[in-house]
Amino acid sequence: MFYAAEALLLARGLTFASHRAVISTFGNPLVKTGQLPPELHQWQREAFDKGQLSDCEFLSGIGDPEVQAIKAKAAKFLEQATALLHLKGTLKEREP
């Protein structure tokens, strides 16, 4: 989700030096303008927070069901980000 968000922001000429900056800025030009649904921003923040927790704690309590739920959200996030990049002409189809 992070790299998709970063690509969407980069397509608007915005670059950032940290994950937190990308995540916090993502909602302004994309979600608040209605180009993407607000749950995508929430999913991105949740995934980042859980990733930070699992990186820092040996027993983070993040089990397989939660990981699978995050993966499903990430797939939807990527699908919608890709569609928006195609719509804006920023992302081209790959040649076979």
C-alpha atoms as a PDB file:
ATOM      1  CA  MET A   1       0.000   0.000   0.000  1.00  0.00           C
ATOM      2  CA  PHE A   2       2.857   2.351   0.792  1.00  0.00           C
ATOM      3  CA  TYR A   3       4.421   2.161  -2.663  1.00  0.00           C
ATOM      4  CA  ALA A   4       1.056   2.558  -4.389  1.00  0.00           C
ATOM      5  CA  ALA A   5       0.346   5.648  -2.268  1.00  0.00           C
ATOM      6  CA  GLU A   6       3.819   6.962  -3.004  1.00  0.00           C
ATOM      7  CA  ALA A   7       3.232   6.481  -6.755  1.00  0.00           C
ATOM      8  CA  LEU A   8      -0.092   8.322  -6.573  1.00  0.00           C
ATOM      9  CA  LEU A   9       1.529  11.246  -4.772  1.00  0.00           C
ATOM     10  CA  LEU A  10       4.527  11.240  -7.103  1.00  0.00           C
ATOM     11  CA  ALA A  11       2.139  11.435 -10.073  1.00  0.00           C
ATOM     12  CA  ARG A  12       1.032  14.746  -8.540  1.00  0.00           C
ATOM     13  CA  GLY A  13       4.597  15.969  -8.155  1.00  0.00           C
ATOM     14  CA  LEU A  14       4.745  15.260  -4.425  1.00  0.00           C
ATOM     15  CA  THR A  15       7.697  13.438  -2.878  1.00  0.00           C
ATOM     16  CA  PHE A  16       8.453  12.675   0.754  1.00  0.00           C
ATOM     17  CA  ALA A  17      11.405  11.402   2.759  1.00  0.00           C
ATOM     18  CA  SER A  18       9.522   9.218   5.242  1.00  0.00           C
ATOM     19  CA  HIS A  19       6.771   6.626   5.399  1.00  0.00           C
ATOM     20  CA  ARG A  20       4.853   8.720   7.915  1.00  0.00           C
ATOM     21  CA  ALA A  21       4.888  11.745   5.599  1.00  0.00           C
ATOM     22  CA  VAL A  22       3.506   9.705   2.695  1.00  0.00           C
ATOM     23  CA  ILE A  23       0.791   8.194   4.874  1.00  0.00           C
ATOM     24  CA  SER A  24      -0.256  11.456   6.490  1.00  0.00           C
ATOM     25  CA  THR A  25      -0.310  13.357   3.185  1.00  0.00           C
ATOM     26  CA  PHE A  26      -2.071  10.640   1.172  1.00  0.00           C
ATOM     27  CA  GLY A  27      -5.516  11.619   2.428  1.00  0.00           C
ATOM     28  CA  ASN A  28      -5.373  15.262   1.378  1.00  0.00           C
ATOM     29  CA  PRO A  29      -5.016  15.271  -2.399  1.00  0.00           C
ATOM     30  CA  LEU A  30      -6.670  11.905  -3.003  1.00  0.00           C
ATOM     31  CA  VAL A  31      -9.256  11.027  -0.380  1.00  0.00           C
ATOM     32  CA  LYS A  32     -10.533  14.477   0.572  1.00  0.00           C
ATOM     33  CA  THR A  33     -11.074  15.305  -3.105  1.00  0.00           C
ATOM     34  CA  GLY A  34     -13.140  12.144  -3.581  1.00  0.00           C
ATOM     35  CA  GLN A  35     -10.733  10.494  -6.008  1.00  0.00           C
ATOM     36  CA  LEU A  36     -10.331   7.519  -3.659  1.00  0.00           C
ATOM     37  CA  PRO A  37     -12.563   6.201  -0.871  1.00  0.00           C
ATOM     38  CA  PRO A  38     -11.617   7.170   2.707  1.00  0.00           C
ATOM     39  CA  GLU A  39     -11.241   3.581   3.866  1.00  0.00           C
ATOM     40  CA  LEU A  40      -8.070   3.305   1.770  1.00  0.00           C
ATOM     41  CA  HIS A  41      -6.369   5.908   3.932  1.00  0.00           C
ATOM     42  CA  GLN A  42      -7.553   4.132   7.074  1.00  0.00           C
ATOM     43  CA  TRP A  43      -6.304   0.762   5.780  1.00  0.00           C
ATOM     44  CA  GLN A  44      -2.936   2.258   4.972  1.00  0.00           C
ATOM     45  CA  ARG A  45      -2.557   3.746   8.461  1.00  0.00           C
ATOM     46  CA  GLU A  46      -3.635   0.484  10.119  1.00  0.00           C
ATOM     47  CA  ALA A  47      -1.214  -1.604   8.055  1.00  0.00           C
ATOM     48  CA  PHE A  48       1.645   0.773   8.819  1.00  0.00           C
ATOM     49  CA  ASP A  49       0.896   0.746  12.541  1.00  0.00           C
ATOM     50  CA  LYS A  50       0.644  -3.044  12.655  1.00  0.00           C
ATOM     51  CA  GLY A  51       3.851  -3.362  10.645  1.00  0.00           C
ATOM     52  CA  GLN A  52       5.657  -1.096  13.075  1.00  0.00           C
ATOM     53  CA  LEU A  53       4.311  -3.098  15.992  1.00  0.00           C
ATOM     54  CA  SER A  54       5.341  -6.438  14.511  1.00  0.00           C
ATOM     55  CA  ASP A  55       8.817  -5.085  13.676  1.00  0.00           C
ATOM     56  CA  CYS A  56       9.355  -3.899  17.241  1.00  0.00           C
ATOM     57  CA  GLU A  57       7.740  -6.605  19.333  1.00  0.00           C
ATOM     58  CA  PHE A  58       8.589 -10.290  19.275  1.00  0.00           C
ATOM     59  CA  LEU A  59       5.062 -11.324  20.234  1.00  0.00           C
ATOM     60  CA  SER A  60       2.938  -8.695  18.532  1.00  0.00           C
ATOM     61  CA  GLY A  61      -0.299 -10.664  18.639  1.00  0.00           C
ATOM     62  CA  ILE A  62      -0.815 -10.291  14.894  1.00  0.00           C
ATOM     63  CA  GLY A  63      -2.068 -13.664  13.771  1.00  0.00           C
ATOM     64  CA  ASP A  64      -2.713 -15.230  10.401  1.00  0.00           C
ATOM     65  CA  PRO A  65      -6.382 -14.138  10.172  1.00  0.00           C
ATOM     66  CA  GLU A  66      -5.371 -10.518  10.692  1.00  0.00           C
ATOM     67  CA  VAL A  67      -2.534 -10.835   8.184  1.00  0.00           C
ATOM     68  CA  GLN A  68      -4.953 -12.283   5.623  1.00  0.00           C
ATOM     69  CA  ALA A  69      -7.377  -9.391   6.210  1.00  0.00           C
ATOM     70  CA  ILE A  70      -4.585  -6.859   5.679  1.00  0.00           C
ATOM     71  CA  LYS A  71      -3.515  -8.661   2.492  1.00  0.00           C
ATOM     72  CA  ALA A  72      -7.084  -8.485   1.153  1.00  0.00           C
ATOM     73  CA  LYS A  73      -7.249  -4.766   1.919  1.00  0.00           C
ATOM     74  CA  ALA A  74      -3.856  -4.242   0.290  1.00  0.00           C
ATOM     75  CA  ALA A  75      -5.056  -5.974  -2.882  1.00  0.00           C
ATOM     76  CA  LYS A  76      -8.116  -3.686  -3.041  1.00  0.00           C
ATOM     77  CA  PHE A  77      -5.916  -0.664  -2.306  1.00  0.00           C
ATOM     78  CA  LEU A  78      -3.558  -1.579  -5.141  1.00  0.00           C
ATOM     79  CA  GLU A  79      -6.458  -2.238  -7.517  1.00  0.00           C
ATOM     80  CA  GLN A  80      -7.974   1.196  -6.887  1.00  0.00           C
ATOM     81  CA  ALA A  81      -4.619   2.992  -6.964  1.00  0.00           C
ATOM     82  CA  THR A  82      -3.743   1.321 -10.265  1.00  0.00           C
ATOM     83  CA  ALA A  83      -7.128   2.229 -11.748  1.00  0.00           C
ATOM     84  CA  LEU A  84      -6.661   5.889 -10.768  1.00  0.00           C
ATOM     85  CA  LEU A  85      -3.139   5.978 -12.227  1.00  0.00           C
ATOM     86  CA  HIS A  86      -4.483   4.495 -15.479  1.00  0.00           C
ATOM     87  CA  LEU A  87      -7.361   6.985 -15.519  1.00  0.00           C
ATOM     88  CA  LYS A  88      -4.962   9.907 -15.116  1.00  0.00           C
ATOM     89  CA  GLY A  89      -2.695   8.513 -17.846  1.00  0.00           C
ATOM     90  CA  THR A  90       0.213   8.126 -15.448  1.00  0.00           C
ATOM     91  CA  LEU A  91       0.434   4.350 -15.665  1.00  0.00           C
ATOM     92  CA  LYS A  92       0.530   2.588 -19.000  1.00  0.00           C
ATOM     93  CA  GLU A  93      -0.320  -1.051 -19.696  1.00  0.00           C
ATOM     94  CA  ARG A  94       2.668  -3.354 -19.978  1.00  0.00           C
ATOM     95  CA  GLU A  95       3.489  -4.681 -23.396  1.00  0.00           C
ATOM     96  CA  PRO A  96       3.244  -8.517 -23.600  1.00  0.00           C
END
